[in-house]
Amino acid sequence: MSRFKYILYIIGVVVSFGIMQSCIEINDEKIPSYPVNINLSTAGYWQTYGVTAPGMYREFNIAERKPANYPYVASSRTGFGGVLLVCDIFSGEPMAYDMSCPVERRGDVRIHIDESSFDAVCSKCGSHYDVMGGWGSPLSGKAVAQKAGLTRYSVIKIGAGYNIVN
C-alpha cells in the first residue's frame, strides 16, 4: 500500500470512529425521571387512542387532560412533560417519548410535531428531533450541540394493544 493510500486509510478510520462516537454520545436522560403508565392494552383503547399507521402521533398529558376523553385512572402517569406516542415510519411500531425539551429541561416547555416535516420541534429553543424513525435524536438547534436526545419510554405489547411505561 502506498504511503498516500495508507494516510487516507488512517484518516478514514479516524473520521469513521469520530462519527460513531458522536452517535453513541447522545444523552437521552437530561430531564428528571417521572413515572409513566398509560394503559392502551385493550383493542378498543388502542384503536381509539393508539397510533396504527406510520406517521400517526398522539399526545398524552394527564394534567391537561390530553386526549380530553381518555379515561385516566389513579395509576396513570404521563412523565415530566407529557408523552408523545408516534408510529415509526420504518417499522410501523409504536414509540413513545417525553414531550419535555431536553435542552430547556422544564416540564412546561414541550416539543410538538411539525406537520410539514414530521420532526418534533421545541418552540422555545428551536431544536428539531427525529421521532418518526430516529429514536428521538437531535436534528438541529441547540440539541445537536448539547447532544441532547428525547427521553424514550417503553411501549410494551399487551393483549390487543400496548402499555407505555418507563
C-alpha atoms as a PDB file:
ATOM      1  CA  MET A   1       0.000   0.000   0.000  1.00  0.00           C
ATOM      2  CA  SER A   2       1.437   3.377  -0.923  1.00  0.00           C
ATOM      3  CA  ARG A   3       2.086   5.938   1.766  1.00  0.00           C
ATOM      4  CA  PHE A   4      -0.674   8.217   0.365  1.00  0.00           C
ATOM      5  CA  LYS A   5      -3.282   5.413   0.445  1.00  0.00           C
ATOM      6  CA  TYR A   6      -2.185   4.482   3.959  1.00  0.00           C
ATOM      7  CA  ILE A   7      -2.664   8.079   5.164  1.00  0.00           C
ATOM      8  CA  LEU A   8      -6.125   8.225   3.525  1.00  0.00           C
ATOM      9  CA  TYR A   9      -6.982   4.903   5.172  1.00  0.00           C
ATOM     10  CA  ILE A  10      -5.955   6.203   8.610  1.00  0.00           C
ATOM     11  CA  ILE A  11      -7.919   9.435   8.096  1.00  0.00           C
ATOM     12  CA  GLY A  12     -10.976   7.382   7.066  1.00  0.00           C
ATOM     13  CA  VAL A  13     -10.716   5.199  10.163  1.00  0.00           C
ATOM     14  CA  VAL A  14     -10.370   8.228  12.455  1.00  0.00           C
ATOM     15  CA  VAL A  15     -13.322  10.037  10.820  1.00  0.00           C
ATOM     16  CA  SER A  16     -15.472   6.880  10.980  1.00  0.00           C
ATOM     17  CA  PHE A  17     -14.603   6.408  14.642  1.00  0.00           C
ATOM     18  CA  GLY A  18     -15.485  10.052  15.346  1.00  0.00           C
ATOM     19  CA  ILE A  19     -18.845   9.690  13.617  1.00  0.00           C
ATOM     20  CA  MET A  20     -19.601   6.501  15.560  1.00  0.00           C
ATOM     21  CA  GLN A  21     -18.624   8.175  18.836  1.00  0.00           C
ATOM     22  CA  SER A  22     -20.838  11.189  18.141  1.00  0.00           C
ATOM     23  CA  CYS A  23     -23.792   8.854  17.582  1.00  0.00           C
ATOM     24  CA  ILE A  24     -23.083   6.941  20.773  1.00  0.00           C
ATOM     25  CA  GLU A  25     -22.834  10.049  22.933  1.00  0.00           C
ATOM     26  CA  ILE A  26     -26.447  11.261  22.532  1.00  0.00           C
ATOM     27  CA  ASN A  27     -27.786  11.853  26.028  1.00  0.00           C
ATOM     28  CA  ASP A  28     -31.476  10.969  26.343  1.00  0.00           C
ATOM     29  CA  GLU A  29     -31.564  11.270  30.137  1.00  0.00           C
ATOM     30  CA  LYS A  30     -31.339  15.049  30.573  1.00  0.00           C
ATOM     31  CA  ILE A  31     -34.795  15.519  32.093  1.00  0.00           C
ATOM     32  CA  PRO A  32     -35.911  14.333  35.535  1.00  0.00           C
ATOM     33  CA  SER A  33     -37.306  10.807  35.736  1.00  0.00           C
ATOM     34  CA  TYR A  34     -41.029  10.833  36.380  1.00  0.00           C
ATOM     35  CA  PRO A  35     -43.357   7.802  36.301  1.00  0.00           C
ATOM     36  CA  VAL A  36     -45.108   6.840  33.068  1.00  0.00           C
ATOM     37  CA  ASN A  37     -48.076   4.481  32.864  1.00  0.00           C
ATOM     38  CA  ILE A  38     -50.576   4.723  30.019  1.00  0.00           C
ATOM     39  CA  ASN A  39     -52.758   1.650  29.537  1.00  0.00           C
ATOM     40  CA  LEU A  40     -53.840   1.088  25.943  1.00  0.00           C
ATOM     41  CA  SER A  41     -53.920  -2.712  26.218  1.00  0.00           C
ATOM     42  CA  THR A  42     -57.472  -3.352  25.053  1.00  0.00           C
ATOM     43  CA  ALA A  43     -58.427  -3.346  21.371  1.00  0.00           C
ATOM     44  CA  GLY A  44     -60.872  -0.503  21.947  1.00  0.00           C
ATOM     45  CA  TYR A  45     -58.355   1.723  23.720  1.00  0.00           C
ATOM     46  CA  TRP A  46     -55.645   1.031  21.133  1.00  0.00           C
ATOM     47  CA  GLN A  47     -57.966   1.695  18.180  1.00  0.00           C
ATOM     48  CA  THR A  48     -59.209   4.923  19.790  1.00  0.00           C
ATOM     49  CA  TYR A  49     -56.040   6.345  21.373  1.00  0.00           C
ATOM     50  CA  GLY A  50     -53.187   4.428  19.748  1.00  0.00           C
ATOM     51  CA  VAL A  51     -51.149   5.051  16.616  1.00  0.00           C
ATOM     52  CA  THR A  52     -51.967   2.471  13.985  1.00  0.00           C
ATOM     53  CA  ALA A  53     -50.248   3.776  10.839  1.00  0.00           C
ATOM     54  CA  PRO A  54     -46.801   5.198  10.089  1.00  0.00           C
ATOM     55  CA  GLY A  55     -46.668   8.944  10.661  1.00  0.00           C
ATOM     56  CA  MET A  56     -49.516   8.991  13.201  1.00  0.00           C
ATOM     57  CA  TYR A  57     -48.959  10.589  16.588  1.00  0.00           C
ATOM     58  CA  ARG A  58     -50.863  11.342  19.780  1.00  0.00           C
ATOM     59  CA  GLU A  59     -50.105  13.436  22.873  1.00  0.00           C
ATOM     60  CA  PHE A  60     -50.867  12.327  26.433  1.00  0.00           C
ATOM     61  CA  ASN A  61     -50.807  14.754  29.359  1.00  0.00           C
ATOM     62  CA  ILE A  62     -52.774  13.942  32.492  1.00  0.00           C
ATOM     63  CA  ALA A  63     -52.549  17.486  33.926  1.00  0.00           C
ATOM     64  CA  GLU A  64     -54.015  18.977  30.741  1.00  0.00           C
ATOM     65  CA  ARG A  65     -56.421  16.067  30.149  1.00  0.00           C
ATOM     66  CA  LYS A  66     -54.987  15.225  26.705  1.00  0.00           C
ATOM     67  CA  PRO A  67     -56.599  13.484  24.999  1.00  0.00           C
ATOM     68  CA  ALA A  68     -59.696  15.052  26.506  1.00  0.00           C
ATOM     69  CA  ASN A  69     -61.780  11.881  26.596  1.00  0.00           C
ATOM     70  CA  TYR A  70     -59.034   9.389  27.594  1.00  0.00           C
ATOM     71  CA  PRO A  71     -60.130   7.583  30.801  1.00  0.00           C
ATOM     72  CA  TYR A  72     -57.150   8.339  33.073  1.00  0.00           C
ATOM     73  CA  VAL A  73     -57.176   6.291  36.295  1.00  0.00           C
ATOM     74  CA  ALA A  74     -55.325   6.610  39.632  1.00  0.00           C
ATOM     75  CA  SER A  75     -52.304   4.659  38.318  1.00  0.00           C
ATOM     76  CA  SER A  76     -51.983   6.727  35.100  1.00  0.00           C
ATOM     77  CA  ARG A  77     -48.820   8.793  34.760  1.00  0.00           C
ATOM     78  CA  THR A  78     -47.515  10.867  31.848  1.00  0.00           C
ATOM     79  CA  GLY A  79     -43.890  11.612  32.696  1.00  0.00           C
ATOM     80  CA  PHE A  80     -42.231  15.004  33.159  1.00  0.00           C
ATOM     81  CA  GLY A  81     -43.819  16.955  30.302  1.00  0.00           C
ATOM     82  CA  GLY A  82     -46.338  14.577  28.800  1.00  0.00           C
ATOM     83  CA  VAL A  83     -45.938  11.630  26.436  1.00  0.00           C
ATOM     84  CA  LEU A  84     -45.702  11.751  22.663  1.00  0.00           C
ATOM     85  CA  LEU A  85     -46.747   8.455  21.090  1.00  0.00           C
ATOM     86  CA  VAL A  86     -45.760   8.012  17.427  1.00  0.00           C
ATOM     87  CA  CYS A  87     -45.861   5.263  14.843  1.00  0.00           C
ATOM     88  CA  ASP A  88     -42.395   4.651  13.423  1.00  0.00           C
ATOM     89  CA  ILE A  89     -42.329   5.229   9.663  1.00  0.00           C
ATOM     90  CA  PHE A  90     -39.893   2.371   9.015  1.00  0.00           C
ATOM     91  CA  SER A  91     -41.147  -0.421  11.262  1.00  0.00           C
ATOM     92  CA  GLY A  92     -44.763   0.610  11.856  1.00  0.00           C
ATOM     93  CA  GLU A  93     -44.154   0.026  15.576  1.00  0.00           C
ATOM     94  CA  PRO A  94     -45.263   2.500  18.270  1.00  0.00           C
ATOM     95  CA  MET A  95     -42.597   4.580  20.004  1.00  0.00           C
ATOM     96  CA  ALA A  96     -43.011   6.957  22.953  1.00  0.00           C
ATOM     97  CA  TYR A  97     -41.049   9.996  24.140  1.00  0.00           C
ATOM     98  CA  ASP A  98     -41.289  12.541  26.920  1.00  0.00           C
ATOM     99  CA  MET A  99     -42.525  15.803  25.442  1.00  0.00           C
ATOM    100  CA  SER A 100     -40.189  17.989  27.519  1.00  0.00           C
ATOM    101  CA  CYS A 101     -37.399  19.577  25.544  1.00  0.00           C
ATOM    102  CA  PRO A 102     -34.113  18.162  26.914  1.00  0.00           C
ATOM    103  CA  VAL A 103     -32.357  21.453  26.158  1.00  0.00           C
ATOM    104  CA  GLU A 104     -34.809  23.541  28.205  1.00  0.00           C
ATOM    105  CA  ARG A 105     -35.345  20.856  30.905  1.00  0.00           C
ATOM    106  CA  ARG A 106     -38.708  22.211  32.019  1.00  0.00           C
ATOM    107  CA  GLY A 107     -41.988  20.322  32.181  1.00  0.00           C
ATOM    108  CA  ASP A 108     -43.861  23.231  30.627  1.00  0.00           C
ATOM    109  CA  VAL A 109     -41.537  23.652  27.608  1.00  0.00           C
ATOM    110  CA  ARG A 110     -42.620  20.908  25.255  1.00  0.00           C
ATOM    111  CA  ILE A 111     -41.985  19.636  21.795  1.00  0.00           C
ATOM    112  CA  HIS A 112     -44.709  19.456  19.165  1.00  0.00           C
ATOM    113  CA  ILE A 113     -44.934  17.751  15.780  1.00  0.00           C
ATOM    114  CA  ASP A 114     -44.266  19.960  12.750  1.00  0.00           C
ATOM    115  CA  GLU A 115     -46.860  18.705  10.257  1.00  0.00           C
ATOM    116  CA  SER A 116     -44.693  19.623   7.251  1.00  0.00           C
ATOM    117  CA  SER A 117     -41.563  17.693   8.286  1.00  0.00           C
ATOM    118  CA  PHE A 118     -42.891  15.346  10.992  1.00  0.00           C
ATOM    119  CA  ASP A 119     -39.975  16.440  13.170  1.00  0.00           C
ATOM    120  CA  ALA A 120     -40.619  17.136  16.839  1.00  0.00           C
ATOM    121  CA  VAL A 121     -39.791  20.807  17.453  1.00  0.00           C
ATOM    122  CA  CYS A 122     -39.237  22.849  20.608  1.00  0.00           C
ATOM    123  CA  SER A 123     -40.981  26.196  20.246  1.00  0.00           C
ATOM    124  CA  LYS A 124     -38.597  27.841  22.719  1.00  0.00           C
ATOM    125  CA  CYS A 125     -35.072  26.790  21.615  1.00  0.00           C
ATOM    126  CA  GLY A 126     -35.997  25.752  18.067  1.00  0.00           C
ATOM    127  CA  SER A 127     -34.349  22.326  18.255  1.00  0.00           C
ATOM    128  CA  HIS A 128     -35.657  19.609  15.941  1.00  0.00           C
ATOM    129  CA  TYR A 129     -35.764  15.898  16.834  1.00  0.00           C
ATOM    130  CA  ASP A 130     -36.318  12.811  14.692  1.00  0.00           C
ATOM    131  CA  VAL A 131     -39.182  10.923  16.343  1.00  0.00           C
ATOM    132  CA  MET A 132     -40.713   9.079  13.400  1.00  0.00           C
ATOM    133  CA  GLY A 133     -37.693   6.877  12.737  1.00  0.00           C
ATOM    134  CA  GLY A 134     -34.670   8.252  14.553  1.00  0.00           C
ATOM    135  CA  TRP A 135     -35.250   7.357  18.198  1.00  0.00           C
ATOM    136  CA  GLY A 136     -35.612  10.999  19.298  1.00  0.00           C
ATOM    137  CA  SER A 137     -32.168  12.008  18.043  1.00  0.00           C
ATOM    138  CA  PRO A 138     -31.426  15.718  17.635  1.00  0.00           C
ATOM    139  CA  LEU A 139     -31.509  17.009  14.061  1.00  0.00           C
ATOM    140  CA  SER A 140     -30.800  20.725  14.503  1.00  0.00           C
ATOM    141  CA  GLY A 141     -30.610  23.577  17.002  1.00  0.00           C
ATOM    142  CA  LYS A 142     -29.059  23.656  20.458  1.00  0.00           C
ATOM    143  CA  ALA A 143     -29.913  19.972  20.950  1.00  0.00           C
ATOM    144  CA  VAL A 144     -27.268  18.971  18.376  1.00  0.00           C
ATOM    145  CA  ALA A 145     -24.545  20.984  20.121  1.00  0.00           C
ATOM    146  CA  GLN A 146     -25.567  19.554  23.505  1.00  0.00           C
ATOM    147  CA  LYS A 147     -26.071  16.038  22.081  1.00  0.00           C
ATOM    148  CA  ALA A 148     -29.470  16.056  23.769  1.00  0.00           C
ATOM    149  CA  GLY A 149     -31.947  13.429  22.620  1.00  0.00           C
ATOM    150  CA  LEU A 150     -35.542  12.993  23.735  1.00  0.00           C
ATOM    151  CA  THR A 151     -36.218  10.627  26.626  1.00  0.00           C
ATOM    152  CA  ARG A 152     -37.737   7.399  25.312  1.00  0.00           C
ATOM    153  CA  TYR A 153     -40.300   5.271  27.086  1.00  0.00           C
ATOM    154  CA  SER A 154     -41.068   1.574  26.683  1.00  0.00           C
ATOM    155  CA  VAL A 155     -44.068   0.592  24.598  1.00  0.00           C
ATOM    156  CA  ILE A 156     -44.949  -2.972  25.585  1.00  0.00           C
ATOM    157  CA  LYS A 157     -47.328  -5.198  23.614  1.00  0.00           C
ATOM    158  CA  ILE A 158     -50.092  -6.454  25.917  1.00  0.00           C
ATOM    159  CA  GLY A 159     -53.205  -8.177  24.648  1.00  0.00           C
ATOM    160  CA  ALA A 160     -54.650  -6.391  21.637  1.00  0.00           C
ATOM    161  CA  GLY A 161     -52.827  -3.136  22.420  1.00  0.00           C
ATOM    162  CA  TYR A 162     -49.874  -1.661  24.260  1.00  0.00           C
ATOM    163  CA  ASN A 163     -48.858  -0.140  27.585  1.00  0.00           C
ATOM    164  CA  ILE A 164     -46.473   2.822  27.765  1.00  0.00           C
ATOM    165  CA  VAL A 165     -44.206   2.718  30.804  1.00  0.00           C
ATOM    166  CA  ASN A 166     -40.757   3.744  31.997  1.00  0.00           C
END
